[in-house]
Amino acid sequence: MPSDNCAPHPSLSIVVPLYNEEANIETLIKAIFAVFSTDANFLELILVDDGSHDHTAALARQAIACDSRIRLLSHTENRGLGAAIRTGLAAAEGELVLYTDADLPFDFQLIPQLLARATDNNIVIGYRANRGEGLRRWVLTKGYHLLCYCAFRLRVRDINFACKLLPRRALSRMKLHSEGSFIDAEMLLEGQRQGFEITEFPLTYYPRVCGISTLSRPAVVVGILKEMLRYAGRKNQTSYELVEETDPKRG
């Protein structure tokens, strides 16, 4: 049944990057439309298939046949989380754009509460009230947050949690480059440098059940550090523009 707790809000796009998410995609779509199926201000669910090797894209196409608000954008090869998110953000048409993950990291019934906190002057981000992770991941997370604070004075509770609600006014002035997992920090840094406030909202985190998380893999960690250095080299730029370097194919 659709949720009845959606108060009027600006038009909304939801962007979800996908890589080998055939086990999650049907549940993802059901969870989103359980909240927004009758919401006139919900414009679109943008699914970005980042070169999956399984049936992710085929399942997305089946869903499109049932609801025209679902859009599929595809990369011909796997480029990384940041590239997939940038493709989705560049295509989104809503006044507000929510980015999240396919494995339902939080209760989507709470999205209307995020929308209620959104303004033209802030970015709303979720943070994990319960971490639900092992010691290695905890150490990596704490170290990453410390690096981002020391290098960029970015201080939030949970940089990489996949729940960020951004106004179009912020996105339209961003220039995002990250191909990998630094994209979460880059979005916040770009918004912070434009003067947008960051509003944090506590959420209960649901660990991934299906599929594989790659965030703590050594290659991913090294990639984040490299992109941090590249961002540091660009941080004196004064022009902001959301760009997408490829022409994504629609499924």
C-alpha atoms as a PDB file:
ATOM      1  CA  MET A   1       0.000   0.000   0.000  1.00  0.00           C
ATOM      2  CA  PRO A   2       1.280   3.507  -0.729  1.00  0.00           C
ATOM      3  CA  SER A   3       2.349   5.615   2.168  1.00  0.00           C
ATOM      4  CA  ASP A   4       0.005   8.429   3.215  1.00  0.00           C
ATOM      5  CA  ASN A   5       2.640  10.485   5.036  1.00  0.00           C
ATOM      6  CA  CYS A   6       3.943  12.465   2.060  1.00  0.00           C
ATOM      7  CA  ALA A   7       3.225  16.138   2.676  1.00  0.00           C
ATOM      8  CA  PRO A   8       3.512  18.462  -0.344  1.00  0.00           C
ATOM      9  CA  HIS A   9       7.117  18.901  -1.370  1.00  0.00           C
ATOM     10  CA  PRO A  10       9.138  20.137  -4.368  1.00  0.00           C
ATOM     11  CA  SER A  11       9.454  17.781  -7.313  1.00  0.00           C
ATOM     12  CA  LEU A  12      11.684  14.811  -6.497  1.00  0.00           C
ATOM     13  CA  SER A  13      14.064  12.602  -8.431  1.00  0.00           C
ATOM     14  CA  ILE A  14      15.658   9.536  -6.827  1.00  0.00           C
ATOM     15  CA  VAL A  15      18.986   8.300  -8.215  1.00  0.00           C
ATOM     16  CA  VAL A  16      20.244   4.791  -7.517  1.00  0.00           C
ATOM     17  CA  PRO A  17      23.544   3.414  -8.907  1.00  0.00           C
ATOM     18  CA  LEU A  18      23.496  -0.291  -9.743  1.00  0.00           C
ATOM     19  CA  TYR A  19      26.249  -2.835 -10.212  1.00  0.00           C
ATOM     20  CA  ASN A  20      25.238  -6.501 -10.228  1.00  0.00           C
ATOM     21  CA  GLU A  21      22.153  -5.809  -8.115  1.00  0.00           C
ATOM     22  CA  GLU A  22      19.746  -8.365  -9.583  1.00  0.00           C
ATOM     23  CA  ALA A  23      19.013  -9.701  -6.086  1.00  0.00           C
ATOM     24  CA  ASN A  24      17.976  -6.254  -4.815  1.00  0.00           C
ATOM     25  CA  ILE A  25      16.401  -4.334  -7.672  1.00  0.00           C
ATOM     26  CA  GLU A  26      12.835  -5.631  -7.391  1.00  0.00           C
ATOM     27  CA  THR A  27      12.747  -5.023  -3.631  1.00  0.00           C
ATOM     28  CA  LEU A  28      14.241  -1.567  -4.166  1.00  0.00           C
ATOM     29  CA  ILE A  29      11.566  -0.528  -6.655  1.00  0.00           C
ATOM     30  CA  LYS A  30       8.750  -1.884  -4.480  1.00  0.00           C
ATOM     31  CA  ALA A  31      10.082  -0.013  -1.439  1.00  0.00           C
ATOM     32  CA  ILE A  32      10.271   3.303  -3.295  1.00  0.00           C
ATOM     33  CA  PHE A  33       6.838   3.043  -4.859  1.00  0.00           C
ATOM     34  CA  ALA A  34       5.323   1.960  -1.552  1.00  0.00           C
ATOM     35  CA  VAL A  35       6.088   5.517  -0.479  1.00  0.00           C
ATOM     36  CA  PHE A  36       5.636   7.481  -3.715  1.00  0.00           C
ATOM     37  CA  SER A  37       3.254   5.595  -6.007  1.00  0.00           C
ATOM     38  CA  THR A  38       0.494   8.209  -5.592  1.00  0.00           C
ATOM     39  CA  ASP A  39       2.724  11.240  -5.006  1.00  0.00           C
ATOM     40  CA  ALA A  40       2.238  13.707  -7.869  1.00  0.00           C
ATOM     41  CA  ASN A  41       5.505  15.477  -7.027  1.00  0.00           C
ATOM     42  CA  PHE A  42       7.592  12.335  -7.412  1.00  0.00           C
ATOM     43  CA  LEU A  43       8.986  12.707 -10.921  1.00  0.00           C
ATOM     44  CA  GLU A  44      11.286   9.765 -11.473  1.00  0.00           C
ATOM     45  CA  LEU A  45      13.386   6.906 -10.229  1.00  0.00           C
ATOM     46  CA  ILE A  46      16.649   6.956 -12.175  1.00  0.00           C
ATOM     47  CA  LEU A  47      18.474   3.625 -12.173  1.00  0.00           C
ATOM     48  CA  VAL A  48      22.059   3.792 -13.404  1.00  0.00           C
ATOM     49  CA  ASP A  49      23.438   0.418 -14.449  1.00  0.00           C
ATOM     50  CA  ASP A  50      27.208   0.661 -14.163  1.00  0.00           C
ATOM     51  CA  GLY A  51      28.157  -2.160 -16.545  1.00  0.00           C
ATOM     52  CA  SER A  52      26.525  -5.009 -14.617  1.00  0.00           C
ATOM     53  CA  HIS A  53      27.239  -8.574 -15.717  1.00  0.00           C
ATOM     54  CA  ASP A  54      24.043 -10.081 -14.315  1.00  0.00           C
ATOM     55  CA  HIS A  55      20.334  -9.467 -15.003  1.00  0.00           C
ATOM     56  CA  THR A  56      20.187  -6.031 -13.355  1.00  0.00           C
ATOM     57  CA  ALA A  57      19.454  -4.122 -16.570  1.00  0.00           C
ATOM     58  CA  ALA A  58      16.898  -6.664 -17.799  1.00  0.00           C
ATOM     59  CA  LEU A  59      14.970  -6.471 -14.527  1.00  0.00           C
ATOM     60  CA  ALA A  60      15.052  -2.678 -14.687  1.00  0.00           C
ATOM     61  CA  ARG A  61      13.590  -2.741 -18.197  1.00  0.00           C
ATOM     62  CA  GLN A  62      10.767  -4.969 -16.997  1.00  0.00           C
ATOM     63  CA  ALA A  63       9.980  -2.425 -14.277  1.00  0.00           C
ATOM     64  CA  ILE A  64       9.954   0.439 -16.800  1.00  0.00           C
ATOM     65  CA  ALA A  65       7.159  -1.313 -18.667  1.00  0.00           C
ATOM     66  CA  CYS A  66       5.045  -1.076 -15.495  1.00  0.00           C
ATOM     67  CA  ASP A  67       5.759   2.563 -14.572  1.00  0.00           C
ATOM     68  CA  SER A  68       6.983   5.319 -16.876  1.00  0.00           C
ATOM     69  CA  ARG A  69       8.539   7.175 -13.949  1.00  0.00           C
ATOM     70  CA  ILE A  70      11.340   4.620 -13.895  1.00  0.00           C
ATOM     71  CA  ARG A  71      14.299   5.465 -16.132  1.00  0.00           C
ATOM     72  CA  LEU A  72      17.326   3.315 -16.896  1.00  0.00           C
ATOM     73  CA  LEU A  73      20.693   4.787 -17.855  1.00  0.00           C
ATOM     74  CA  SER A  74      23.521   2.435 -18.721  1.00  0.00           C
ATOM     75  CA  HIS A  75      27.310   2.436 -18.823  1.00  0.00           C
ATOM     76  CA  THR A  76      28.706  -0.071 -21.288  1.00  0.00           C
ATOM     77  CA  GLU A  77      31.441  -0.969 -18.786  1.00  0.00           C
ATOM     78  CA  ASN A  78      31.911  -0.661 -15.052  1.00  0.00           C
ATOM     79  CA  ARG A  79      33.290   2.797 -14.271  1.00  0.00           C
ATOM     80  CA  GLY A  80      32.702   3.107 -10.542  1.00  0.00           C
ATOM     81  CA  LEU A  81      30.247   4.452  -8.002  1.00  0.00           C
ATOM     82  CA  GLY A  82      31.091   8.100  -8.583  1.00  0.00           C
ATOM     83  CA  ALA A  83      30.650   7.846 -12.329  1.00  0.00           C
ATOM     84  CA  ALA A  84      27.265   6.156 -11.920  1.00  0.00           C
ATOM     85  CA  ILE A  85      26.053   8.788  -9.465  1.00  0.00           C
ATOM     86  CA  ARG A  86      27.238  11.629 -11.725  1.00  0.00           C
ATOM     87  CA  THR A  87      25.351  10.117 -14.648  1.00  0.00           C
ATOM     88  CA  GLY A  88      22.189   9.968 -12.568  1.00  0.00           C
ATOM     89  CA  LEU A  89      22.533  13.462 -11.135  1.00  0.00           C
ATOM     90  CA  ALA A  90      23.145  14.955 -14.565  1.00  0.00           C
ATOM     91  CA  ALA A  91      19.938  13.376 -15.870  1.00  0.00           C
ATOM     92  CA  ALA A  92      17.703  14.157 -12.881  1.00  0.00           C
ATOM     93  CA  GLU A  93      15.017  16.775 -13.432  1.00  0.00           C
ATOM     94  CA  GLY A  94      13.592  17.214  -9.927  1.00  0.00           C
ATOM     95  CA  GLU A  95      13.945  20.316  -7.773  1.00  0.00           C
ATOM     96  CA  LEU A  96      15.251  17.902  -5.135  1.00  0.00           C
ATOM     97  CA  VAL A  97      17.439  14.889  -5.914  1.00  0.00           C
ATOM     98  CA  LEU A  98      17.916  12.002  -3.499  1.00  0.00           C
ATOM     99  CA  TYR A  99      20.799   9.612  -3.970  1.00  0.00           C
ATOM    100  CA  THR A 100      20.700   6.230  -2.234  1.00  0.00           C
ATOM    101  CA  ASP A 101      21.833   2.619  -2.708  1.00  0.00           C
ATOM    102  CA  ALA A 102      20.059  -0.425  -4.105  1.00  0.00           C
ATOM    103  CA  ASP A 103      20.434  -2.535  -0.962  1.00  0.00           C
ATOM    104  CA  LEU A 104      17.923  -0.453   1.045  1.00  0.00           C
ATOM    105  CA  PRO A 105      20.379   0.883   3.631  1.00  0.00           C
ATOM    106  CA  PHE A 106      17.558   2.557   5.602  1.00  0.00           C
ATOM    107  CA  ASP A 107      13.775   2.530   5.886  1.00  0.00           C
ATOM    108  CA  PHE A 108      12.480   4.352   2.805  1.00  0.00           C
ATOM    109  CA  GLN A 109       9.261   5.175   4.673  1.00  0.00           C
ATOM    110  CA  LEU A 110      11.363   7.878   6.361  1.00  0.00           C
ATOM    111  CA  ILE A 111      12.146   9.705   3.111  1.00  0.00           C
ATOM    112  CA  PRO A 112       9.199  12.111   3.633  1.00  0.00           C
ATOM    113  CA  GLN A 113      10.849  13.193   6.892  1.00  0.00           C
ATOM    114  CA  LEU A 114      13.994  14.037   4.936  1.00  0.00           C
ATOM    115  CA  LEU A 115      11.927  16.004   2.431  1.00  0.00           C
ATOM    116  CA  ALA A 116      10.323  17.972   5.261  1.00  0.00           C
ATOM    117  CA  ARG A 117      13.776  19.215   6.299  1.00  0.00           C
ATOM    118  CA  ALA A 118      14.880  20.230   2.803  1.00  0.00           C
ATOM    119  CA  THR A 119      15.162  23.862   1.717  1.00  0.00           C
ATOM    120  CA  ASP A 120      16.868  25.738  -1.104  1.00  0.00           C
ATOM    121  CA  ASN A 121      19.737  26.469   1.261  1.00  0.00           C
ATOM    122  CA  ASN A 122      20.627  23.092   2.724  1.00  0.00           C
ATOM    123  CA  ILE A 123      21.702  19.578   1.867  1.00  0.00           C
ATOM    124  CA  VAL A 124      20.044  16.876   3.954  1.00  0.00           C
ATOM    125  CA  ILE A 125      22.118  13.781   4.679  1.00  0.00           C
ATOM    126  CA  GLY A 126      21.382  10.665   6.686  1.00  0.00           C
ATOM    127  CA  TYR A 127      23.813   9.229   9.176  1.00  0.00           C
ATOM    128  CA  ARG A 128      23.894   5.788  10.744  1.00  0.00           C
ATOM    129  CA  ALA A 129      22.612   5.937  14.305  1.00  0.00           C
ATOM    130  CA  ASN A 130      23.851   2.351  14.573  1.00  0.00           C
ATOM    131  CA  ARG A 131      27.093   1.545  12.770  1.00  0.00           C
ATOM    132  CA  GLY A 132      26.644  -2.211  12.342  1.00  0.00           C
ATOM    133  CA  GLU A 133      30.177  -2.785  11.073  1.00  0.00           C
ATOM    134  CA  GLY A 134      33.316  -4.627  12.085  1.00  0.00           C
ATOM    135  CA  LEU A 135      36.437  -3.187  13.676  1.00  0.00           C
ATOM    136  CA  ARG A 136      38.358  -2.872  10.381  1.00  0.00           C
ATOM    137  CA  ARG A 137      35.575  -0.892   8.712  1.00  0.00           C
ATOM    138  CA  TRP A 138      35.179   1.273  11.823  1.00  0.00           C
ATOM    139  CA  VAL A 139      38.905   2.144  11.833  1.00  0.00           C
ATOM    140  CA  LEU A 140      38.846   2.958   8.109  1.00  0.00           C
ATOM    141  CA  THR A 141      35.774   5.146   8.543  1.00  0.00           C
ATOM    142  CA  LYS A 142      37.224   7.077  11.469  1.00  0.00           C
ATOM    143  CA  GLY A 143      40.501   7.580   9.627  1.00  0.00           C
ATOM    144  CA  TYR A 144      38.705   8.807   6.509  1.00  0.00           C
ATOM    145  CA  HIS A 145      36.606  11.281   8.470  1.00  0.00           C
ATOM    146  CA  LEU A 146      39.725  12.620  10.167  1.00  0.00           C
ATOM    147  CA  LEU A 147      41.475  13.040   6.807  1.00  0.00           C
ATOM    148  CA  CYS A 148      38.502  14.912   5.338  1.00  0.00           C
ATOM    149  CA  TYR A 149      38.359  17.213   8.336  1.00  0.00           C
ATOM    150  CA  CYS A 150      42.101  17.940   8.360  1.00  0.00           C
ATOM    151  CA  ALA A 151      42.302  18.458   4.598  1.00  0.00           C
ATOM    152  CA  PHE A 152      38.985  20.208   3.882  1.00  0.00           C
ATOM    153  CA  ARG A 153      37.390  21.060   7.249  1.00  0.00           C
ATOM    154  CA  LEU A 154      34.488  18.757   6.397  1.00  0.00           C
ATOM    155  CA  ARG A 155      32.850  17.654   9.637  1.00  0.00           C
ATOM    156  CA  VAL A 156      29.803  15.411   9.403  1.00  0.00           C
ATOM    157  CA  ARG A 157      28.932  12.214  11.219  1.00  0.00           C
ATOM    158  CA  ASP A 158      28.799   9.880   8.217  1.00  0.00           C
ATOM    159  CA  ILE A 159      30.339  10.967   4.931  1.00  0.00           C
ATOM    160  CA  ASN A 160      29.741   7.835   2.883  1.00  0.00           C
ATOM    161  CA  PHE A 161      26.247   6.859   3.980  1.00  0.00           C
ATOM    162  CA  ALA A 162      24.091   6.534   0.865  1.00  0.00           C
ATOM    163  CA  CYS A 163      21.398   9.039   1.764  1.00  0.00           C
ATOM    164  CA  LYS A 164      21.897  12.539   0.403  1.00  0.00           C
ATOM    165  CA  LEU A 165      19.101  14.913  -0.578  1.00  0.00           C
ATOM    166  CA  LEU A 166      20.353  17.812  -2.682  1.00  0.00           C
ATOM    167  CA  PRO A 167      18.509  20.839  -4.071  1.00  0.00           C
ATOM    168  CA  ARG A 168      18.770  21.495  -7.794  1.00  0.00           C
ATOM    169  CA  ARG A 169      20.227  24.925  -6.977  1.00  0.00           C
ATOM    170  CA  ALA A 170      23.255  23.241  -5.416  1.00  0.00           C
ATOM    171  CA  LEU A 171      23.679  20.585  -8.091  1.00  0.00           C
ATOM    172  CA  SER A 172      23.532  23.068 -10.936  1.00  0.00           C
ATOM    173  CA  ARG A 173      26.685  24.776  -9.639  1.00  0.00           C
ATOM    174  CA  MET A 174      28.695  21.677  -8.820  1.00  0.00           C
ATOM    175  CA  LYS A 175      31.526  20.290 -10.876  1.00  0.00           C
ATOM    176  CA  LEU A 176      31.901  16.661  -9.904  1.00  0.00           C
ATOM    177  CA  HIS A 177      34.809  14.546 -11.093  1.00  0.00           C
ATOM    178  CA  SER A 178      34.958  11.461  -8.886  1.00  0.00           C
ATOM    179  CA  GLU A 179      34.729   8.084 -10.577  1.00  0.00           C
ATOM    180  CA  GLY A 180      34.875   6.196  -7.291  1.00  0.00           C
ATOM    181  CA  SER A 181      33.726   6.411  -3.703  1.00  0.00           C
ATOM    182  CA  PHE A 182      35.100   9.891  -3.003  1.00  0.00           C
ATOM    183  CA  ILE A 183      31.934  11.133  -4.702  1.00  0.00           C
ATOM    184  CA  ASP A 184      30.081  11.310  -1.364  1.00  0.00           C
ATOM    185  CA  ALA A 185      32.654  13.656   0.141  1.00  0.00           C
ATOM    186  CA  GLU A 186      32.938  15.617  -3.107  1.00  0.00           C
ATOM    187  CA  MET A 187      29.213  16.378  -3.164  1.00  0.00           C
ATOM    188  CA  LEU A 188      29.330  17.643   0.407  1.00  0.00           C
ATOM    189  CA  LEU A 189      32.494  19.660  -0.161  1.00  0.00           C
ATOM    190  CA  GLU A 190      31.106  21.277  -3.282  1.00  0.00           C
ATOM    191  CA  GLY A 191      27.922  22.162  -1.438  1.00  0.00           C
ATOM    192  CA  GLN A 192      29.858  23.450   1.565  1.00  0.00           C
ATOM    193  CA  ARG A 193      32.028  25.678  -0.594  1.00  0.00           C
ATOM    194  CA  GLN A 194      28.895  27.198  -2.118  1.00  0.00           C
ATOM    195  CA  GLY A 195      27.649  28.084   1.348  1.00  0.00           C
ATOM    196  CA  PHE A 196      24.956  25.415   1.699  1.00  0.00           C
ATOM    197  CA  GLU A 197      24.218  24.157   5.172  1.00  0.00           C
ATOM    198  CA  ILE A 198      24.390  20.426   5.845  1.00  0.00           C
ATOM    199  CA  THR A 199      21.469  19.056   7.844  1.00  0.00           C
ATOM    200  CA  GLU A 200      22.077  15.624   9.372  1.00  0.00           C
ATOM    201  CA  PHE A 201      19.295  13.146  10.092  1.00  0.00           C
ATOM    202  CA  PRO A 202      19.710   9.933  12.147  1.00  0.00           C
ATOM    203  CA  LEU A 203      18.679   6.695  10.477  1.00  0.00           C
ATOM    204  CA  THR A 204      18.769   3.067  11.484  1.00  0.00           C
ATOM    205  CA  TYR A 205      21.212   1.345   9.154  1.00  0.00           C
ATOM    206  CA  TYR A 206      20.311  -1.994   7.610  1.00  0.00           C
ATOM    207  CA  PRO A 207      23.445  -3.906   6.526  1.00  0.00           C
ATOM    208  CA  ARG A 208      23.547  -5.363   3.047  1.00  0.00           C
ATOM    209  CA  VAL A 209      21.958  -8.814   2.854  1.00  0.00           C
ATOM    210  CA  CYS A 210      22.297  -9.534  -0.875  1.00  0.00           C
ATOM    211  CA  GLY A 211      25.212  -8.644  -3.133  1.00  0.00           C
ATOM    212  CA  ILE A 212      28.706  -7.567  -2.151  1.00  0.00           C
ATOM    213  CA  SER A 213      29.930  -4.277  -0.697  1.00  0.00           C
ATOM    214  CA  THR A 214      33.300  -3.161  -2.086  1.00  0.00           C
ATOM    215  CA  LEU A 215      33.860   0.006  -0.068  1.00  0.00           C
ATOM    216  CA  SER A 216      36.544  -1.379   2.253  1.00  0.00           C
ATOM    217  CA  ARG A 217      38.539  -3.204  -0.411  1.00  0.00           C
ATOM    218  CA  PRO A 218      42.182  -2.012  -0.628  1.00  0.00           C
ATOM    219  CA  ALA A 219      41.806  -0.892  -4.254  1.00  0.00           C
ATOM    220  CA  VAL A 220      38.753   1.188  -3.355  1.00  0.00           C
ATOM    221  CA  VAL A 221      40.522   2.783  -0.392  1.00  0.00           C
ATOM    222  CA  VAL A 222      43.517   3.668  -2.576  1.00  0.00           C
ATOM    223  CA  GLY A 223      41.172   5.100  -5.196  1.00  0.00           C
ATOM    224  CA  ILE A 224      39.516   7.338  -2.600  1.00  0.00           C
ATOM    225  CA  LEU A 225      42.899   8.679  -1.478  1.00  0.00           C
ATOM    226  CA  LYS A 226      43.918   9.427  -5.070  1.00  0.00           C
ATOM    227  CA  GLU A 227      40.686  11.287  -5.728  1.00  0.00           C
ATOM    228  CA  MET A 228      41.124  13.242  -2.505  1.00  0.00           C
ATOM    229  CA  LEU A 229      44.493  14.452  -3.768  1.00  0.00           C
ATOM    230  CA  ARG A 230      43.017  15.414  -7.130  1.00  0.00           C
ATOM    231  CA  TYR A 231      40.231  17.328  -5.435  1.00  0.00           C
ATOM    232  CA  ALA A 232      42.728  19.156  -3.250  1.00  0.00           C
ATOM    233  CA  GLY A 233      44.484  20.257  -6.424  1.00  0.00           C
ATOM    234  CA  ARG A 234      41.245  21.669  -7.826  1.00  0.00           C
ATOM    235  CA  LYS A 235      39.812  23.260  -4.704  1.00  0.00           C
ATOM    236  CA  ASN A 236      40.788  26.804  -5.682  1.00  0.00           C
ATOM    237  CA  GLN A 237      38.571  26.711  -8.750  1.00  0.00           C
ATOM    238  CA  THR A 238      35.748  29.230  -8.615  1.00  0.00           C
ATOM    239  CA  SER A 239      33.342  28.000 -11.279  1.00  0.00           C
ATOM    240  CA  TYR A 240      30.883  25.232 -10.528  1.00  0.00           C
ATOM    241  CA  GLU A 241      28.997  23.262 -13.122  1.00  0.00           C
ATOM    242  CA  LEU A 242      27.526  19.791 -12.992  1.00  0.00           C
ATOM    243  CA  VAL A 243      29.016  17.895 -15.915  1.00  0.00           C
ATOM    244  CA  GLU A 244      28.745  14.402 -17.291  1.00  0.00           C
ATOM    245  CA  GLU A 245      31.509  13.368 -19.637  1.00  0.00           C
ATOM    246  CA  THR A 246      29.706  10.516 -21.330  1.00  0.00           C
ATOM    247  CA  ASP A 247      26.446  10.179 -23.189  1.00  0.00           C
ATOM    248  CA  PRO A 248      24.666   7.426 -21.198  1.00  0.00           C
ATOM    249  CA  LYS A 249      22.459   5.072 -23.150  1.00  0.00           C
ATOM    250  CA  ARG A 250      18.880   4.628 -22.084  1.00  0.00           C
ATOM    251  CA  GLY A 251      17.617   1.120 -21.790  1.00  0.00           C
END
